[in-house]
Every structure is written in C-alpha cells, then in structure tokens.
Amino acid sequence: MVIHEGEYLGQQLEPIYVLLNGLGLLWMLATGASMFLKTLGLPNWLRRQSKPSEEQS
C-alpha cells in the first residue's frame, strides 16, 4: 500500500502522485473507449472526418 498510495514520496509529493495516477486512468479509459468504438464500425456521420468530403465543396 505504501507504493500504491505514493507514501514513499512524502506528504508534499503524495497528492501529485495520486493526481497523476488518476489522470493516467482517465487517459486509459478514453483511449480504450475510442479503440472499442472503432471496432464497432460506426456509421460515417458519427466518425470524425480528417479531410472535407467532396460534397461540401
């Protein structure tokens, strides 16, 4: 638990360690969700288009 909670860093750095762990978790959730949505094969209107389509010109 000492390593998991970042207690070995001391009282001043422990909150930063916990914050970075939380941000890392959110980043992994976001990237995992995006990869999962790509596997579903969403319709084109839901996907973000990287270049404008010919219909818009």
PDB file of N, CA and C in Angstrom:
ATOM      1  N   MET A   1       0.830  -1.199   0.000  1.00  0.00           N
ATOM      2  CA  MET A   1       0.000   0.000   0.000  1.00  0.00           C
ATOM      3  C   MET A   1       0.867   1.253   0.000  1.00  0.00           C
ATOM      4  N   VAL A   2       2.039   1.176   0.575  1.00  0.00           N
ATOM      5  CA  VAL A   2       2.922   2.350   0.615  1.00  0.00           C
ATOM      6  C   VAL A   2       3.284   2.760  -0.813  1.00  0.00           C
ATOM      7  N   ILE A   3       3.604   1.786  -1.659  1.00  0.00           N
ATOM      8  CA  ILE A   3       3.942   2.093  -3.048  1.00  0.00           C
ATOM      9  C   ILE A   3       2.690   2.538  -3.807  1.00  0.00           C
ATOM     10  N   HIS A   4       1.586   1.847  -3.620  1.00  0.00           N
ATOM     11  CA  HIS A   4       0.351   2.140  -4.331  1.00  0.00           C
ATOM     12  C   HIS A   4      -0.145   3.556  -4.060  1.00  0.00           C
ATOM     13  N   GLU A   5      -0.060   4.009  -2.845  1.00  0.00           N
ATOM     14  CA  GLU A   5      -0.566   5.329  -2.466  1.00  0.00           C
ATOM     15  C   GLU A   5       0.484   6.426  -2.585  1.00  0.00           C
ATOM     16  N   GLY A   6       1.705   6.080  -2.915  1.00  0.00           N
ATOM     17  CA  GLY A   6       2.752   7.080  -3.074  1.00  0.00           C
ATOM     18  C   GLY A   6       3.270   7.647  -1.769  1.00  0.00           C
ATOM     19  N   GLU A   7       3.104   6.920  -0.689  1.00  0.00           N
ATOM     20  CA  GLU A   7       3.528   7.415   0.620  1.00  0.00           C
ATOM     21  C   GLU A   7       5.044   7.557   0.732  1.00  0.00           C
ATOM     22  N   TYR A   8       5.785   6.815  -0.078  1.00  0.00           N
ATOM     23  CA  TYR A   8       7.248   6.879  -0.014  1.00  0.00           C
ATOM     24  C   TYR A   8       7.783   8.225  -0.528  1.00  0.00           C
ATOM     25  N   LEU A   9       6.942   9.017  -1.212  1.00  0.00           N
ATOM     26  CA  LEU A   9       7.364  10.318  -1.737  1.00  0.00           C
ATOM     27  C   LEU A   9       7.282  11.431  -0.693  1.00  0.00           C
ATOM     28  N   GLY A  10       6.612  11.175   0.398  1.00  0.00           N
ATOM     29  CA  GLY A  10       6.440  12.196   1.427  1.00  0.00           C
ATOM     30  C   GLY A  10       5.108  12.906   1.278  1.00  0.00           C
ATOM     31  N   GLN A  11       4.792  13.736   2.243  1.00  0.00           N
ATOM     32  CA  GLN A  11       3.489  14.396   2.270  1.00  0.00           C
ATOM     33  C   GLN A  11       3.324  15.435   1.165  1.00  0.00           C
ATOM     34  N   GLN A  12       4.401  16.021   0.702  1.00  0.00           N
ATOM     35  CA  GLN A  12       4.281  17.082  -0.294  1.00  0.00           C
ATOM     36  C   GLN A  12       4.098  16.537  -1.712  1.00  0.00           C
ATOM     37  N   LEU A  13       4.693  15.416  -2.034  1.00  0.00           N
ATOM     38  CA  LEU A  13       4.593  14.867  -3.386  1.00  0.00           C
ATOM     39  C   LEU A  13       3.502  13.814  -3.542  1.00  0.00           C
ATOM     40  N   GLU A  14       2.976  13.330  -2.434  1.00  0.00           N
ATOM     41  CA  GLU A  14       1.944  12.294  -2.495  1.00  0.00           C
ATOM     42  C   GLU A  14       0.703  12.742  -3.274  1.00  0.00           C
ATOM     43  N   PRO A  15       0.166  13.957  -3.065  1.00  0.00           N
ATOM     44  CA  PRO A  15      -1.014  14.367  -3.843  1.00  0.00           C
ATOM     45  C   PRO A  15      -0.744  14.444  -5.350  1.00  0.00           C
ATOM     46  N   ILE A  16       0.453  14.831  -5.726  1.00  0.00           N
ATOM     47  CA  ILE A  16       0.797  14.891  -7.150  1.00  0.00           C
ATOM     48  C   ILE A  16       0.828  13.496  -7.745  1.00  0.00           C
ATOM     49  N   TYR A  17       1.380  12.554  -7.006  1.00  0.00           N
ATOM     50  CA  TYR A  17       1.435  11.165  -7.448  1.00  0.00           C
ATOM     51  C   TYR A  17       0.023  10.598  -7.632  1.00  0.00           C
ATOM     52  N   VAL A  18      -0.845  10.873  -6.684  1.00  0.00           N
ATOM     53  CA  VAL A  18      -2.221  10.387  -6.764  1.00  0.00           C
ATOM     54  C   VAL A  18      -2.941  11.037  -7.944  1.00  0.00           C
ATOM     55  N   LEU A  19      -2.727  12.332  -8.152  1.00  0.00           N
ATOM     56  CA  LEU A  19      -3.340  13.039  -9.279  1.00  0.00           C
ATOM     57  C   LEU A  19      -2.866  12.453 -10.604  1.00  0.00           C
ATOM     58  N   LEU A  20      -1.580  12.209 -10.739  1.00  0.00           N
ATOM     59  CA  LEU A  20      -1.064  11.636 -11.979  1.00  0.00           C
ATOM     60  C   LEU A  20      -1.598  10.227 -12.219  1.00  0.00           C
ATOM     61  N   ASN A  21      -1.761   9.456 -11.159  1.00  0.00           N
ATOM     62  CA  ASN A  21      -2.382   8.131 -11.302  1.00  0.00           C
ATOM     63  C   ASN A  21      -3.817   8.254 -11.804  1.00  0.00           C
ATOM     64  N   GLY A  22      -4.559   9.193 -11.265  1.00  0.00           N
ATOM     65  CA  GLY A  22      -5.939   9.414 -11.701  1.00  0.00           C
ATOM     66  C   GLY A  22      -6.017   9.866 -13.146  1.00  0.00           C
ATOM     67  N   LEU A  23      -5.140  10.776 -13.539  1.00  0.00           N
ATOM     68  CA  LEU A  23      -5.126  11.238 -14.924  1.00  0.00           C
ATOM     69  C   LEU A  23      -4.735  10.106 -15.874  1.00  0.00           C
ATOM     70  N   GLY A  24      -3.811   9.284 -15.453  1.00  0.00           N
ATOM     71  CA  GLY A  24      -3.433   8.128 -16.265  1.00  0.00           C
ATOM     72  C   GLY A  24      -4.594   7.169 -16.460  1.00  0.00           C
ATOM     73  N   LEU A  25      -5.357   6.960 -15.410  1.00  0.00           N
ATOM     74  CA  LEU A  25      -6.529   6.098 -15.502  1.00  0.00           C
ATOM     75  C   LEU A  25      -7.553   6.669 -16.470  1.00  0.00           C
ATOM     76  N   LEU A  26      -7.822   7.972 -16.370  1.00  0.00           N
ATOM     77  CA  LEU A  26      -8.780   8.607 -17.287  1.00  0.00           C
ATOM     78  C   LEU A  26      -8.300   8.517 -18.730  1.00  0.00           C
ATOM     79  N   TRP A  27      -6.993   8.706 -18.947  1.00  0.00           N
ATOM     80  CA  TRP A  27      -6.437   8.611 -20.295  1.00  0.00           C
ATOM     81  C   TRP A  27      -6.614   7.197 -20.857  1.00  0.00           C
ATOM     82  N   MET A  28      -6.353   6.183 -20.029  1.00  0.00           N
ATOM     83  CA  MET A  28      -6.513   4.803 -20.492  1.00  0.00           C
ATOM     84  C   MET A  28      -7.973   4.481 -20.779  1.00  0.00           C
ATOM     85  N   LEU A  29      -8.895   5.010 -19.979  1.00  0.00           N
ATOM     86  CA  LEU A  29     -10.316   4.805 -20.243  1.00  0.00           C
ATOM     87  C   LEU A  29     -10.732   5.445 -21.561  1.00  0.00           C
ATOM     88  N   ALA A  30     -10.259   6.661 -21.818  1.00  0.00           N
ATOM     89  CA  ALA A  30     -10.617   7.376 -23.050  1.00  0.00           C
ATOM     90  C   ALA A  30     -10.057   6.673 -24.281  1.00  0.00           C
ATOM     91  N   THR A  31      -8.792   6.286 -24.228  1.00  0.00           N
ATOM     92  CA  THR A  31      -8.204   5.638 -25.397  1.00  0.00           C
ATOM     93  C   THR A  31      -8.792   4.238 -25.606  1.00  0.00           C
ATOM     94  N   GLY A  32      -9.078   3.541 -24.521  1.00  0.00           N
ATOM     95  CA  GLY A  32      -9.711   2.231 -24.642  1.00  0.00           C
ATOM     96  C   GLY A  32     -11.107   2.328 -25.225  1.00  0.00           C
ATOM     97  N   ALA A  33     -11.859   3.339 -24.801  1.00  0.00           N
ATOM     98  CA  ALA A  33     -13.205   3.534 -25.350  1.00  0.00           C
ATOM     99  C   ALA A  33     -13.144   3.881 -26.829  1.00  0.00           C
ATOM    100  N   SER A  34     -12.174   4.704 -27.222  1.00  0.00           N
ATOM    101  CA  SER A  34     -12.070   5.059 -28.642  1.00  0.00           C
ATOM    102  C   SER A  34     -11.701   3.843 -29.487  1.00  0.00           C
ATOM    103  N   MET A  35     -10.812   2.993 -28.974  1.00  0.00           N
ATOM    104  CA  MET A  35     -10.471   1.781 -29.714  1.00  0.00           C
ATOM    105  C   MET A  35     -11.676   0.843 -29.805  1.00  0.00           C
ATOM    106  N   PHE A  36     -12.444   0.755 -28.735  1.00  0.00           N
ATOM    107  CA  PHE A  36     -13.632  -0.096 -28.745  1.00  0.00           C
ATOM    108  C   PHE A  36     -14.658   0.411 -29.744  1.00  0.00           C
ATOM    109  N   LEU A  37     -14.857   1.721 -29.784  1.00  0.00           N
ATOM    110  CA  LEU A  37     -15.821   2.280 -30.727  1.00  0.00           C
ATOM    111  C   LEU A  37     -15.382   2.079 -32.172  1.00  0.00           C
ATOM    112  N   LYS A  38     -14.084   2.079 -32.410  1.00  0.00           N
ATOM    113  CA  LYS A  38     -13.596   1.818 -33.771  1.00  0.00           C
ATOM    114  C   LYS A  38     -13.906   0.390 -34.201  1.00  0.00           C
ATOM    115  N   THR A  39     -13.913  -0.537 -33.269  1.00  0.00           N
ATOM    116  CA  THR A  39     -14.191  -1.929 -33.626  1.00  0.00           C
ATOM    117  C   THR A  39     -15.666  -2.147 -33.926  1.00  0.00           C
ATOM    118  N   LEU A  40     -16.526  -1.254 -33.449  1.00  0.00           N
ATOM    119  CA  LEU A  40     -17.958  -1.404 -33.700  1.00  0.00           C
ATOM    120  C   LEU A  40     -18.334  -1.051 -35.135  1.00  0.00           C
ATOM    121  N   GLY A  41     -17.485  -0.303 -35.823  1.00  0.00           N
ATOM    122  CA  GLY A  41     -17.796   0.095 -37.189  1.00  0.00           C
ATOM    123  C   GLY A  41     -18.929   1.093 -37.223  1.00  0.00           C
ATOM    124  N   LEU A  42     -18.741   2.225 -36.600  1.00  0.00           N
ATOM    125  CA  LEU A  42     -19.781   3.245 -36.537  1.00  0.00           C
ATOM    126  C   LEU A  42     -20.078   3.824 -37.912  1.00  0.00           C
ATOM    127  N   PRO A  43     -21.283   4.327 -38.114  1.00  0.00           N
ATOM    128  CA  PRO A  43     -21.624   4.963 -39.388  1.00  0.00           C
ATOM    129  C   PRO A  43     -20.742   6.189 -39.645  1.00  0.00           C
ATOM    130  N   ASN A  44     -20.607   6.547 -40.892  1.00  0.00           N
ATOM    131  CA  ASN A  44     -19.728   7.653 -41.269  1.00  0.00           C
ATOM    132  C   ASN A  44     -20.118   8.971 -40.622  1.00  0.00           C
ATOM    133  N   TRP A  45     -21.398   9.219 -40.404  1.00  0.00           N
ATOM    134  CA  TRP A  45     -21.806  10.507 -39.856  1.00  0.00           C
ATOM    135  C   TRP A  45     -21.394  10.668 -38.398  1.00  0.00           C
ATOM    136  N   LEU A  46     -21.060   9.568 -37.709  1.00  0.00           N
ATOM    137  CA  LEU A  46     -20.591   9.656 -36.331  1.00  0.00           C
ATOM    138  C   LEU A  46     -19.078   9.793 -36.238  1.00  0.00           C
ATOM    139  N   ARG A  47     -18.387   9.408 -37.283  1.00  0.00           N
ATOM    140  CA  ARG A  47     -16.936   9.471 -37.263  1.00  0.00           C
ATOM    141  C   ARG A  47     -16.451  10.883 -37.541  1.00  0.00           C
ATOM    142  N   ARG A  48     -15.323  11.210 -36.968  1.00  0.00           N
ATOM    143  CA  ARG A  48     -14.701  12.498 -37.223  1.00  0.00           C
ATOM    144  C   ARG A  48     -13.950  12.398 -38.541  1.00  0.00           C
ATOM    145  N   GLN A  49     -14.260  13.282 -39.460  1.00  0.00           N
ATOM    146  CA  GLN A  49     -13.623  13.232 -40.764  1.00  0.00           C
ATOM    147  C   GLN A  49     -12.333  14.025 -40.748  1.00  0.00           C
ATOM    148  N   SER A  50     -11.264  13.437 -41.297  1.00  0.00           N
ATOM    149  CA  SER A  50      -9.968  14.100 -41.279  1.00  0.00           C
ATOM    150  C   SER A  50      -9.827  15.105 -42.408  1.00  0.00           C
ATOM    151  N   LYS A  51     -10.494  14.892 -43.528  1.00  0.00           N
ATOM    152  CA  LYS A  51     -10.467  15.853 -44.618  1.00  0.00           C
ATOM    153  C   LYS A  51     -11.889  16.073 -45.120  1.00  0.00           C
ATOM    154  N   PRO A  52     -12.168  17.269 -45.622  1.00  0.00           N
ATOM    155  CA  PRO A  52     -13.534  17.566 -46.050  1.00  0.00           C
ATOM    156  C   PRO A  52     -13.943  16.677 -47.233  1.00  0.00           C
ATOM    157  N   SER A  53     -15.183  16.275 -47.221  1.00  0.00           N
ATOM    158  CA  SER A  53     -15.677  15.433 -48.304  1.00  0.00           C
ATOM    159  C   SER A  53     -15.920  16.270 -49.545  1.00  0.00           C
ATOM    160  N   GLU A  54     -16.061  15.607 -50.693  1.00  0.00           N
ATOM    161  CA  GLU A  54     -16.257  16.328 -51.952  1.00  0.00           C
ATOM    162  C   GLU A  54     -17.629  16.967 -52.011  1.00  0.00           C
ATOM    163  N   GLU A  55     -18.574  16.472 -51.238  1.00  0.00           N
ATOM    164  CA  GLU A  55     -19.930  17.028 -51.245  1.00  0.00           C
ATOM    165  C   GLU A  55     -19.971  18.449 -50.682  1.00  0.00           C
ATOM    166  N   GLN A  56     -19.038  18.778 -49.796  1.00  0.00           N
ATOM    167  CA  GLN A  56     -19.056  20.077 -49.150  1.00  0.00           C
ATOM    168  C   GLN A  56     -18.460  21.170 -50.019  1.00  0.00           C
ATOM    169  N   SER A  57     -17.744  20.830 -51.113  1.00  0.00           N
ATOM    170  CA  SER A  57     -17.111  21.867 -51.917  1.00  0.00           C
ATOM    171  C   SER A  57     -18.026  22.494 -52.933  1.00  0.00           C
TER     172      SER A  57
END
